[in-house]
Amino acid sequence: MLLICGSGASSGFMAAAIRKAAKKRGVEMSVKAASESQLDERINEIDYLLIGPHLSYMLTDIQEQTKDKKVKAAVIPQSTYGTLNGEKALDLIVSLEE
């Protein structure tokens, strides 16, 4: 799972919160953070992509870019991202699996 934001800094905090929530639930998952400029080099390594809310305008382009790679992408709601709510972000990832 990859989480992207503008510079990769804020997504690092969010990724840590998701890892903590996953560990608490006993869910095995790799959560990495990166800047949006690193997406091309990481796209073949992931199944899920969460996008910082400030990059929501990129969702359509990213879905087009990832459609042949079976990568499921979603924008993290501002309320989840702003509070670094790893539990809600993990719920979002789980919903993408369904």
PDB file of N, CA and C in Angstrom:
ATOM      1  N   MET A   1       0.845  -1.153   0.000  1.00  0.00           N
ATOM      2  CA  MET A   1       0.000   0.000   0.000  1.00  0.00           C
ATOM      3  C   MET A   1       0.896   1.221   0.000  1.00  0.00           C
ATOM      4  N   LEU A   2       0.552   2.191  -0.837  1.00  0.00           N
ATOM      5  CA  LEU A   2       1.321   3.426  -0.927  1.00  0.00           C
ATOM      6  C   LEU A   2       0.390   4.586  -0.645  1.00  0.00           C
ATOM      7  N   LEU A   3       0.901   5.553   0.064  1.00  0.00           N
ATOM      8  CA  LEU A   3       0.172   6.764   0.395  1.00  0.00           C
ATOM      9  C   LEU A   3       0.972   7.927  -0.164  1.00  0.00           C
ATOM     10  N   ILE A   4       0.332   8.777  -0.971  1.00  0.00           N
ATOM     11  CA  ILE A   4       1.064   9.896  -1.551  1.00  0.00           C
ATOM     12  C   ILE A   4       0.491  11.240  -1.109  1.00  0.00           C
ATOM     13  N   CYS A   5       1.380  12.205  -1.010  1.00  0.00           N
ATOM     14  CA  CYS A   5       0.996  13.592  -0.776  1.00  0.00           C
ATOM     15  C   CYS A   5       1.932  14.447  -1.616  1.00  0.00           C
ATOM     16  N   GLY A   6       1.879  15.736  -1.426  1.00  0.00           N
ATOM     17  CA  GLY A   6       2.694  16.634  -2.240  1.00  0.00           C
ATOM     18  C   GLY A   6       4.187  16.395  -2.102  1.00  0.00           C
ATOM     19  N   SER A   7       4.684  16.399  -0.871  1.00  0.00           N
ATOM     20  CA  SER A   7       6.124  16.255  -0.663  1.00  0.00           C
ATOM     21  C   SER A   7       6.516  14.928  -0.032  1.00  0.00           C
ATOM     22  N   GLY A   8       5.552  14.199   0.519  1.00  0.00           N
ATOM     23  CA  GLY A   8       5.852  12.930   1.169  1.00  0.00           C
ATOM     24  C   GLY A   8       5.991  13.056   2.678  1.00  0.00           C
ATOM     25  N   ALA A   9       6.013  14.282   3.190  1.00  0.00           N
ATOM     26  CA  ALA A   9       6.210  14.484   4.630  1.00  0.00           C
ATOM     27  C   ALA A   9       4.951  14.145   5.427  1.00  0.00           C
ATOM     28  N   SER A  10       3.838  14.789   5.115  1.00  0.00           N
ATOM     29  CA  SER A  10       2.614  14.529   5.880  1.00  0.00           C
ATOM     30  C   SER A  10       2.127  13.101   5.678  1.00  0.00           C
ATOM     31  N   SER A  11       2.363  12.542   4.510  1.00  0.00           N
ATOM     32  CA  SER A  11       1.928  11.160   4.275  1.00  0.00           C
ATOM     33  C   SER A  11       2.727  10.190   5.134  1.00  0.00           C
ATOM     34  N   GLY A  12       3.940  10.556   5.506  1.00  0.00           N
ATOM     35  CA  GLY A  12       4.742   9.712   6.394  1.00  0.00           C
ATOM     36  C   GLY A  12       4.081   9.547   7.750  1.00  0.00           C
ATOM     37  N   PHE A  13       3.531  10.637   8.283  1.00  0.00           N
ATOM     38  CA  PHE A  13       2.822  10.576   9.560  1.00  0.00           C
ATOM     39  C   PHE A  13       1.550   9.742   9.434  1.00  0.00           C
ATOM     40  N   MET A  14       0.838   9.922   8.325  1.00  0.00           N
ATOM     41  CA  MET A  14      -0.398   9.168   8.112  1.00  0.00           C
ATOM     42  C   MET A  14      -0.083   7.687   7.937  1.00  0.00           C
ATOM     43  N   ALA A  15       0.969   7.360   7.201  1.00  0.00           N
ATOM     44  CA  ALA A  15       1.361   5.961   7.006  1.00  0.00           C
ATOM     45  C   ALA A  15       1.694   5.308   8.341  1.00  0.00           C
ATOM     46  N   ALA A  16       2.380   6.034   9.215  1.00  0.00           N
ATOM     47  CA  ALA A  16       2.712   5.497  10.540  1.00  0.00           C
ATOM     48  C   ALA A  16       1.447   5.219  11.341  1.00  0.00           C
ATOM     49  N   ALA A  17       0.469   6.104  11.238  1.00  0.00           N
ATOM     50  CA  ALA A  17      -0.796   5.912  11.953  1.00  0.00           C
ATOM     51  C   ALA A  17      -1.546   4.691  11.411  1.00  0.00           C
ATOM     52  N   ILE A  18      -1.483   4.470  10.102  1.00  0.00           N
ATOM     53  CA  ILE A  18      -2.141   3.295   9.502  1.00  0.00           C
ATOM     54  C   ILE A  18      -1.427   2.025   9.950  1.00  0.00           C
ATOM     55  N   ARG A  19      -0.104   2.035   9.941  1.00  0.00           N
ATOM     56  CA  ARG A  19       0.655   0.861  10.400  1.00  0.00           C
ATOM     57  C   ARG A  19       0.299   0.514  11.845  1.00  0.00           C
ATOM     58  N   LYS A  20       0.186   1.521  12.685  1.00  0.00           N
ATOM     59  CA  LYS A  20      -0.159   1.314  14.092  1.00  0.00           C
ATOM     60  C   LYS A  20      -1.565   0.702  14.207  1.00  0.00           C
ATOM     61  N   ALA A  21      -2.509   1.223  13.439  1.00  0.00           N
ATOM     62  CA  ALA A  21      -3.877   0.699  13.463  1.00  0.00           C
ATOM     63  C   ALA A  21      -3.914  -0.740  12.954  1.00  0.00           C
ATOM     64  N   ALA A  22      -3.157  -1.027  11.914  1.00  0.00           N
ATOM     65  CA  ALA A  22      -3.121  -2.386  11.349  1.00  0.00           C
ATOM     66  C   ALA A  22      -2.535  -3.367  12.358  1.00  0.00           C
ATOM     67  N   LYS A  23      -1.465  -2.955  13.017  1.00  0.00           N
ATOM     68  CA  LYS A  23      -0.836  -3.819  14.027  1.00  0.00           C
ATOM     69  C   LYS A  23      -1.816  -4.111  15.159  1.00  0.00           C
ATOM     70  N   LYS A  24      -2.534  -3.077  15.581  1.00  0.00           N
ATOM     71  CA  LYS A  24      -3.522  -3.215  16.650  1.00  0.00           C
ATOM     72  C   LYS A  24      -4.617  -4.216  16.270  1.00  0.00           C
ATOM     73  N   ARG A  25      -4.991  -4.237  14.987  1.00  0.00           N
ATOM     74  CA  ARG A  25      -6.036  -5.153  14.502  1.00  0.00           C
ATOM     75  C   ARG A  25      -5.474  -6.512  14.090  1.00  0.00           C
ATOM     76  N   GLY A  26      -4.166  -6.639  14.079  1.00  0.00           N
ATOM     77  CA  GLY A  26      -3.561  -7.895  13.655  1.00  0.00           C
ATOM     78  C   GLY A  26      -3.570  -8.081  12.149  1.00  0.00           C
ATOM     79  N   VAL A  27      -3.571  -6.968  11.426  1.00  0.00           N
ATOM     80  CA  VAL A  27      -3.589  -6.996   9.962  1.00  0.00           C
ATOM     81  C   VAL A  27      -2.166  -6.816   9.451  1.00  0.00           C
ATOM     82  N   GLU A  28      -1.720  -7.752   8.601  1.00  0.00           N
ATOM     83  CA  GLU A  28      -0.384  -7.654   7.998  1.00  0.00           C
ATOM     84  C   GLU A  28      -0.471  -6.780   6.755  1.00  0.00           C
ATOM     85  N   MET A  29       0.278  -5.692   6.751  1.00  0.00           N
ATOM     86  CA  MET A  29       0.287  -4.842   5.568  1.00  0.00           C
ATOM     87  C   MET A  29       1.509  -3.951   5.576  1.00  0.00           C
ATOM     88  N   SER A  30       2.018  -3.712   4.408  1.00  0.00           N
ATOM     89  CA  SER A  30       3.130  -2.791   4.232  1.00  0.00           C
ATOM     90  C   SER A  30       2.542  -1.452   3.807  1.00  0.00           C
ATOM     91  N   VAL A  31       2.854  -0.404   4.543  1.00  0.00           N
ATOM     92  CA  VAL A  31       2.345   0.929   4.237  1.00  0.00           C
ATOM     93  C   VAL A  31       3.532   1.855   4.069  1.00  0.00           C
ATOM     94  N   LYS A  32       3.684   2.394   2.876  1.00  0.00           N
ATOM     95  CA  LYS A  32       4.793   3.298   2.582  1.00  0.00           C
ATOM     96  C   LYS A  32       4.236   4.655   2.185  1.00  0.00           C
ATOM     97  N   ALA A  33       5.021   5.670   2.418  1.00  0.00           N
ATOM     98  CA  ALA A  33       4.650   7.031   2.044  1.00  0.00           C
ATOM     99  C   ALA A  33       5.617   7.554   0.997  1.00  0.00           C
ATOM    100  N   ALA A  34       5.091   8.395   0.108  1.00  0.00           N
ATOM    101  CA  ALA A  34       5.935   8.968  -0.942  1.00  0.00           C
ATOM    102  C   ALA A  34       5.314  10.261  -1.437  1.00  0.00           C
ATOM    103  N   SER A  35       6.104  11.030  -2.152  1.00  0.00           N
ATOM    104  CA  SER A  35       5.559  12.222  -2.799  1.00  0.00           C
ATOM    105  C   SER A  35       4.902  11.791  -4.106  1.00  0.00           C
ATOM    106  N   GLU A  36       4.008  12.619  -4.598  1.00  0.00           N
ATOM    107  CA  GLU A  36       3.302  12.256  -5.833  1.00  0.00           C
ATOM    108  C   GLU A  36       4.264  12.108  -7.007  1.00  0.00           C
ATOM    109  N   SER A  37       5.398  12.773  -6.943  1.00  0.00           N
ATOM    110  CA  SER A  37       6.373  12.670  -8.030  1.00  0.00           C
ATOM    111  C   SER A  37       7.041  11.290  -8.077  1.00  0.00           C
ATOM    112  N   GLN A  38       6.939  10.508  -6.989  1.00  0.00           N
ATOM    113  CA  GLN A  38       7.533   9.171  -6.943  1.00  0.00           C
ATOM    114  C   GLN A  38       6.560   8.072  -7.368  1.00  0.00           C
ATOM    115  N   LEU A  39       5.340   8.437  -7.692  1.00  0.00           N
ATOM    116  CA  LEU A  39       4.322   7.437  -8.013  1.00  0.00           C
ATOM    117  C   LEU A  39       4.733   6.535  -9.174  1.00  0.00           C
ATOM    118  N   ASP A  40       5.252   7.101 -10.245  1.00  0.00           N
ATOM    119  CA  ASP A  40       5.619   6.303 -11.417  1.00  0.00           C
ATOM    120  C   ASP A  40       6.613   5.193 -11.080  1.00  0.00           C
ATOM    121  N   GLU A  41       7.570   5.494 -10.225  1.00  0.00           N
ATOM    122  CA  GLU A  41       8.583   4.486  -9.905  1.00  0.00           C
ATOM    123  C   GLU A  41       8.085   3.437  -8.915  1.00  0.00           C
ATOM    124  N   ARG A  42       6.983   3.704  -8.236  1.00  0.00           N
ATOM    125  CA  ARG A  42       6.473   2.765  -7.228  1.00  0.00           C
ATOM    126  C   ARG A  42       5.207   2.035  -7.647  1.00  0.00           C
ATOM    127  N   ILE A  43       4.614   2.426  -8.744  1.00  0.00           N
ATOM    128  CA  ILE A  43       3.283   1.939  -9.119  1.00  0.00           C
ATOM    129  C   ILE A  43       3.232   0.417  -9.297  1.00  0.00           C
ATOM    130  N   ASN A  44       4.315  -0.196  -9.722  1.00  0.00           N
ATOM    131  CA  ASN A  44       4.311  -1.642  -9.951  1.00  0.00           C
ATOM    132  C   ASN A  44       4.519  -2.453  -8.673  1.00  0.00           C
ATOM    133  N   GLU A  45       4.712  -1.778  -7.541  1.00  0.00           N
ATOM    134  CA  GLU A  45       4.973  -2.461  -6.274  1.00  0.00           C
ATOM    135  C   GLU A  45       3.750  -2.519  -5.365  1.00  0.00           C
ATOM    136  N   ILE A  46       2.632  -1.921  -5.783  1.00  0.00           N
ATOM    137  CA  ILE A  46       1.511  -1.741  -4.862  1.00  0.00           C
ATOM    138  C   ILE A  46       0.201  -2.333  -5.368  1.00  0.00           C
ATOM    139  N   ASP A  47      -0.704  -2.567  -4.412  1.00  0.00           N
ATOM    140  CA  ASP A  47      -2.070  -2.996  -4.724  1.00  0.00           C
ATOM    141  C   ASP A  47      -3.072  -1.884  -4.445  1.00  0.00           C
ATOM    142  N   TYR A  48      -2.733  -1.033  -3.456  1.00  0.00           N
ATOM    143  CA  TYR A  48      -3.615   0.049  -3.037  1.00  0.00           C
ATOM    144  C   TYR A  48      -2.845   1.350  -2.988  1.00  0.00           C
ATOM    145  N   LEU A  49      -3.550   2.424  -3.336  1.00  0.00           N
ATOM    146  CA  LEU A  49      -2.956   3.744  -3.329  1.00  0.00           C
ATOM    147  C   LEU A  49      -3.917   4.699  -2.648  1.00  0.00           C
ATOM    148  N   LEU A  50      -3.483   5.327  -1.574  1.00  0.00           N
ATOM    149  CA  LEU A  50      -4.271   6.365  -0.923  1.00  0.00           C
ATOM    150  C   LEU A  50      -3.647   7.707  -1.268  1.00  0.00           C
ATOM    151  N   ILE A  51      -4.506   8.662  -1.546  1.00  0.00           N
ATOM    152  CA  ILE A  51      -4.082   9.977  -2.004  1.00  0.00           C
ATOM    153  C   ILE A  51      -4.469  11.014  -0.967  1.00  0.00           C
ATOM    154  N   GLY A  52      -3.531  11.877  -0.605  1.00  0.00           N
ATOM    155  CA  GLY A  52      -3.832  12.969   0.320  1.00  0.00           C
ATOM    156  C   GLY A  52      -4.949  13.829  -0.252  1.00  0.00           C
ATOM    157  N   PRO A  53      -5.821  14.358   0.611  1.00  0.00           N
ATOM    158  CA  PRO A  53      -6.984  15.113   0.131  1.00  0.00           C
ATOM    159  C   PRO A  53      -6.625  16.333  -0.715  1.00  0.00           C
ATOM    160  N   HIS A  54      -5.479  16.919  -0.472  1.00  0.00           N
ATOM    161  CA  HIS A  54      -5.055  18.084  -1.251  1.00  0.00           C
ATOM    162  C   HIS A  54      -4.662  17.717  -2.680  1.00  0.00           C
ATOM    163  N   LEU A  55      -4.563  16.423  -2.971  1.00  0.00           N
ATOM    164  CA  LEU A  55      -4.260  15.961  -4.330  1.00  0.00           C
ATOM    165  C   LEU A  55      -5.478  15.281  -4.970  1.00  0.00           C
ATOM    166  N   SER A  56      -6.661  15.510  -4.419  1.00  0.00           N
ATOM    167  CA  SER A  56      -7.863  14.837  -4.922  1.00  0.00           C
ATOM    168  C   SER A  56      -8.112  15.116  -6.400  1.00  0.00           C
ATOM    169  N   TYR A  57      -7.657  16.268  -6.886  1.00  0.00           N
ATOM    170  CA  TYR A  57      -7.821  16.605  -8.302  1.00  0.00           C
ATOM    171  C   TYR A  57      -7.090  15.620  -9.214  1.00  0.00           C
ATOM    172  N   MET A  58      -6.175  14.840  -8.668  1.00  0.00           N
ATOM    173  CA  MET A  58      -5.391  13.889  -9.459  1.00  0.00           C
ATOM    174  C   MET A  58      -6.039  12.506  -9.568  1.00  0.00           C
ATOM    175  N   LEU A  59      -7.115  12.263  -8.827  1.00  0.00           N
ATOM    176  CA  LEU A  59      -7.683  10.922  -8.743  1.00  0.00           C
ATOM    177  C   LEU A  59      -8.023  10.334 -10.113  1.00  0.00           C
ATOM    178  N   THR A  60      -8.709  11.069 -10.956  1.00  0.00           N
ATOM    179  CA  THR A  60      -9.100  10.540 -12.269  1.00  0.00           C
ATOM    180  C   THR A  60      -7.881  10.156 -13.099  1.00  0.00           C
ATOM    181  N   ASP A  61      -6.877  11.009 -13.116  1.00  0.00           N
ATOM    182  CA  ASP A  61      -5.652  10.717 -13.868  1.00  0.00           C
ATOM    183  C   ASP A  61      -4.937   9.494 -13.300  1.00  0.00           C
ATOM    184  N   ILE A  62      -4.900   9.393 -11.978  1.00  0.00           N
ATOM    185  CA  ILE A  62      -4.230   8.255 -11.338  1.00  0.00           C
ATOM    186  C   ILE A  62      -4.986   6.969 -11.623  1.00  0.00           C
ATOM    187  N   GLN A  63      -6.311   7.006 -11.570  1.00  0.00           N
ATOM    188  CA  GLN A  63      -7.098   5.808 -11.880  1.00  0.00           C
ATOM    189  C   GLN A  63      -6.870   5.377 -13.325  1.00  0.00           C
ATOM    190  N   GLU A  64      -6.745   6.324 -14.226  1.00  0.00           N
ATOM    191  CA  GLU A  64      -6.454   6.003 -15.625  1.00  0.00           C
ATOM    192  C   GLU A  64      -5.070   5.367 -15.744  1.00  0.00           C
ATOM    193  N   GLN A  65      -4.116   5.905 -15.012  1.00  0.00           N
ATOM    194  CA  GLN A  65      -2.733   5.429 -15.041  1.00  0.00           C
ATOM    195  C   GLN A  65      -2.612   4.024 -14.442  1.00  0.00           C
ATOM    196  N   THR A  66      -3.467   3.688 -13.493  1.00  0.00           N
ATOM    197  CA  THR A  66      -3.340   2.422 -12.769  1.00  0.00           C
ATOM    198  C   THR A  66      -4.338   1.353 -13.204  1.00  0.00           C
ATOM    199  N   LYS A  67      -5.218   1.645 -14.146  1.00  0.00           N
ATOM    200  CA  LYS A  67      -6.294   0.704 -14.480  1.00  0.00           C
ATOM    201  C   LYS A  67      -5.782  -0.650 -14.967  1.00  0.00           C
ATOM    202  N   ASP A  68      -4.684  -0.698 -15.667  1.00  0.00           N
ATOM    203  CA  ASP A  68      -4.141  -1.967 -16.166  1.00  0.00           C
ATOM    204  C   ASP A  68      -3.257  -2.660 -15.133  1.00  0.00           C
ATOM    205  N   LYS A  69      -3.042  -2.018 -14.010  1.00  0.00           N
ATOM    206  CA  LYS A  69      -2.153  -2.563 -12.989  1.00  0.00           C
ATOM    207  C   LYS A  69      -2.911  -3.127 -11.790  1.00  0.00           C
ATOM    208  N   LYS A  70      -4.219  -3.080 -11.827  1.00  0.00           N
ATOM    209  CA  LYS A  70      -5.073  -3.589 -10.745  1.00  0.00           C
ATOM    210  C   LYS A  70      -4.789  -2.903  -9.412  1.00  0.00           C
ATOM    211  N   VAL A  71      -4.416  -1.640  -9.476  1.00  0.00           N
ATOM    212  CA  VAL A  71      -4.193  -0.844  -8.270  1.00  0.00           C
ATOM    213  C   VAL A  71      -5.486  -0.099  -7.961  1.00  0.00           C
ATOM    214  N   LYS A  72      -5.965  -0.252  -6.736  1.00  0.00           N
ATOM    215  CA  LYS A  72      -7.171   0.452  -6.323  1.00  0.00           C
ATOM    216  C   LYS A  72      -6.763   1.733  -5.614  1.00  0.00           C
ATOM    217  N   ALA A  73      -7.338   2.849  -6.061  1.00  0.00           N
ATOM    218  CA  ALA A  73      -6.954   4.159  -5.526  1.00  0.00           C
ATOM    219  C   ALA A  73      -8.158   4.858  -4.906  1.00  0.00           C
ATOM    220  N   ALA A  74      -7.883   5.629  -3.858  1.00  0.00           N
ATOM    221  CA  ALA A  74      -8.919   6.424  -3.203  1.00  0.00           C
ATOM    222  C   ALA A  74      -8.286   7.642  -2.551  1.00  0.00           C
ATOM    223  N   VAL A  75      -9.096   8.679  -2.394  1.00  0.00           N
ATOM    224  CA  VAL A  75      -8.657   9.886  -1.706  1.00  0.00           C
ATOM    225  C   VAL A  75      -9.030   9.754  -0.231  1.00  0.00           C
ATOM    226  N   ILE A  76      -8.092  10.056   0.637  1.00  0.00           N
ATOM    227  CA  ILE A  76      -8.367  10.040   2.073  1.00  0.00           C
ATOM    228  C   ILE A  76      -9.184  11.286   2.410  1.00  0.00           C
ATOM    229  N   PRO A  77     -10.301  11.125   3.104  1.00  0.00           N
ATOM    230  CA  PRO A  77     -11.080  12.306   3.499  1.00  0.00           C
ATOM    231  C   PRO A  77     -10.243  13.267   4.350  1.00  0.00           C
ATOM    232  N   GLN A  78     -10.499  14.553   4.184  1.00  0.00           N
ATOM    233  CA  GLN A  78      -9.744  15.572   4.925  1.00  0.00           C
ATOM    234  C   GLN A  78      -9.841  15.358   6.433  1.00  0.00           C
ATOM    235  N   SER A  79     -11.025  14.961   6.915  1.00  0.00           N
ATOM    236  CA  SER A  79     -11.200  14.773   8.363  1.00  0.00           C
ATOM    237  C   SER A  79     -10.314  13.642   8.888  1.00  0.00           C
ATOM    238  N   THR A  80     -10.084  12.628   8.077  1.00  0.00           N
ATOM    239  CA  THR A  80      -9.223  11.505   8.460  1.00  0.00           C
ATOM    240  C   THR A  80      -7.759  11.916   8.372  1.00  0.00           C
ATOM    241  N   TYR A  81      -7.403  12.570   7.286  1.00  0.00           N
ATOM    242  CA  TYR A  81      -6.017  12.976   7.053  1.00  0.00           C
ATOM    243  C   TYR A  81      -5.578  14.051   8.046  1.00  0.00           C
ATOM    244  N   GLY A  82      -6.447  15.015   8.268  1.00  0.00           N
ATOM    245  CA  GLY A  82      -6.116  16.134   9.144  1.00  0.00           C
ATOM    246  C   GLY A  82      -5.902  15.725  10.589  1.00  0.00           C
ATOM    247  N   THR A  83      -6.561  14.643  11.009  1.00  0.00           N
ATOM    248  CA  THR A  83      -6.422  14.179  12.385  1.00  0.00           C
ATOM    249  C   THR A  83      -5.498  12.968  12.492  1.00  0.00           C
ATOM    250  N   LEU A  84      -4.901  12.573  11.357  1.00  0.00           N
ATOM    251  CA  LEU A  84      -4.025  11.394  11.306  1.00  0.00           C
ATOM    252  C   LEU A  84      -4.721  10.178  11.920  1.00  0.00           C
ATOM    253  N   ASN A  85      -5.979   9.978  11.516  1.00  0.00           N
ATOM    254  CA  ASN A  85      -6.778   8.880  12.052  1.00  0.00           C
ATOM    255  C   ASN A  85      -6.466   7.595  11.286  1.00  0.00           C
ATOM    256  N   GLY A  86      -5.523   6.831  11.806  1.00  0.00           N
ATOM    257  CA  GLY A  86      -5.109   5.593  11.162  1.00  0.00           C
ATOM    258  C   GLY A  86      -6.211   4.561  11.091  1.00  0.00           C
ATOM    259  N   GLU A  87      -7.090   4.537  12.091  1.00  0.00           N
ATOM    260  CA  GLU A  87      -8.210   3.581  12.104  1.00  0.00           C
ATOM    261  C   GLU A  87      -9.138   3.818  10.918  1.00  0.00           C
ATOM    262  N   LYS A  88      -9.523   5.080  10.700  1.00  0.00           N
ATOM    263  CA  LYS A  88     -10.428   5.395   9.585  1.00  0.00           C
ATOM    264  C   LYS A  88      -9.750   5.185   8.236  1.00  0.00           C
ATOM    265  N   ALA A  89      -8.473   5.493   8.158  1.00  0.00           N
ATOM    266  CA  ALA A  89      -7.743   5.262   6.908  1.00  0.00           C
ATOM    267  C   ALA A  89      -7.646   3.764   6.622  1.00  0.00           C
ATOM    268  N   LEU A  90      -7.444   2.965   7.659  1.00  0.00           N
ATOM    269  CA  LEU A  90      -7.402   1.512   7.489  1.00  0.00           C
ATOM    270  C   LEU A  90      -8.770   0.998   7.048  1.00  0.00           C
ATOM    271  N   ASP A  91      -9.843   1.563   7.606  1.00  0.00           N
ATOM    272  CA  ASP A  91     -11.195   1.187   7.165  1.00  0.00           C
ATOM    273  C   ASP A  91     -11.367   1.470   5.677  1.00  0.00           C
ATOM    274  N   LEU A  92     -10.805   2.584   5.211  1.00  0.00           N
ATOM    275  CA  LEU A  92     -10.882   2.935   3.789  1.00  0.00           C
ATOM    276  C   LEU A  92     -10.157   1.895   2.941  1.00  0.00           C
ATOM    277  N   ILE A  93      -8.992   1.475   3.383  1.00  0.00           N
ATOM    278  CA  ILE A  93      -8.242   0.442   2.657  1.00  0.00           C
ATOM    279  C   ILE A  93      -9.040  -0.854   2.608  1.00  0.00           C
ATOM    280  N   VAL A  94      -9.607  -1.250   3.734  1.00  0.00           N
ATOM    281  CA  VAL A  94     -10.402  -2.485   3.796  1.00  0.00           C
ATOM    282  C   VAL A  94     -11.596  -2.387   2.849  1.00  0.00           C
ATOM    283  N   SER A  95     -12.213  -1.211   2.768  1.00  0.00           N
ATOM    284  CA  SER A  95     -13.368  -1.042   1.861  1.00  0.00           C
ATOM    285  C   SER A  95     -12.953  -1.192   0.403  1.00  0.00           C
ATOM    286  N   LEU A  96     -11.709  -0.865   0.074  1.00  0.00           N
ATOM    287  CA  LEU A  96     -11.226  -1.022  -1.301  1.00  0.00           C
ATOM    288  C   LEU A  96     -11.066  -2.504  -1.661  1.00  0.00           C
ATOM    289  N   GLU A  97     -10.876  -3.344  -0.657  1.00  0.00           N
ATOM    290  CA  GLU A  97     -10.704  -4.787  -0.889  1.00  0.00           C
ATOM    291  C   GLU A  97     -12.001  -5.459  -1.279  1.00  0.00           C
ATOM    292  N   GLU A  98     -13.114  -4.848  -0.902  1.00  0.00           N
ATOM    293  CA  GLU A  98     -14.425  -5.476  -1.118  1.00  0.00           C
ATOM    294  C   GLU A  98     -14.906  -5.320  -2.537  1.00  0.00           C
TER     295      GLU A  98
END
